[in-house]
Amino acid sequence: MTAPLLIQEAGAVRTAPASGAHAFWRRLRARRSAVVAGAVAALLVLTALAAPLLAAVEGQDPTTYHPDLVDSATGGVPVGAFGGMSADHWLGVEPLTGRDLFARVAYGARVSLGVALGATLLQVLVGVAVGLAAGLGNRWVDQALSRLTDVVVALPVMVIALAALAVVPTGFPRPVLIAVMVGLVGWSGISKIVRSQTLALKQLDHVAAARLSGWSGVRIARRELLPALAAPVITYAVLLFPGNIVVEAALSFLGVGIKPPTPSWGQMLSDADTWYRAAPTYLLIPALLIFVTVLALTVIGEGVRTALDPRVASRLRIGTGRKKEAGA
């Protein structure tokens, strides 16, 4: 009788996560807004990944100058309607230089999304590590790490960026530098969440039994705590991602982010501030892309949050699919 019971229990343990994942995807698919936002985000990611292919299909690249496509008499305004849009230049050309705007937007998606992804991953890694160490450590470790987290909360990203740019060699890749800076400054929020959840989880019977049996803190965290922390960590990480896109755009807009000729949406906005009247499409296209990306990722984060915990009411009132969620 013992072996079948063990097999049955083991089978139940193996199938439980699949059942939970199936329920999560069912609730997420019931939210039409999250499905549409996911499709938009997937299209943006595919555009970033396929930027060389898309530029080759158009027959352009992001760095070649086309002085014949701008009017030198007007200071470099693109020739033609809508910023020089044509069959050869799908979104027009950049003022003053004549570089193809579609190619620069596609390659800029790589930089903006890549920086945000790298910063988010670093924030999750550092925040989870510090939060777990504070929650599982003794009183002195908890106090020291909590005070460190409070100090990091007060650090201004812009000042840290300026200081880093003053000491980091100019040959260091700027996207990597921005991702590291944003990641090392923005982990405090997820650390506080992980710490509070860890303090609550370690009072449970199975965690207390693991500690009494002599398990190390690393093993307890890996086997007992991290599976339970997955939902809040994933939810917070998805919500951090659009914020990091905005931070990268703001740094580039202020002149301390991505530098030409490397394209990024924020850097394009920085260059477009003097052309918003003469060539409005040069400003509107990257601004619209940033807005759509942040909106889509925010809706996805809201959908993930409510799908992981259906008891929590959604803060978005449009397209939430509440009737389908109730049925699910």
Foldseek 3Di string as FASTA:
>chain_A
DVVVVVVVVVVCVVCVVVVLVVLLVLLLVLQPLLVVLVVVLVVLVVLLVCLVVVCVVLPFAQPAFDQVQFDVVVPFQGPDPQQQDDSSQNNHADGPGRGRPSSLASNQSNLLLVLLVLLLVLLLVVLLVLLLCLQPDDPVSVVVSLVVLVVLQPDDLLVQLVVCVVPDDPPDDQSVVSSVSSNVSPNSVSNVVSNVQSNVQCPDDVNVVCVVVPDDSVCSCVPPNVVVCVLVSVLVSLLSRLVSSVVQLVCLLVPSGDDPPRHHLSVQCNVCPVPCPSNVSSNVVSVVVSVSNSVSSNSNSQSSNCSSPVVDDGPDDPSRSVVSSVVD
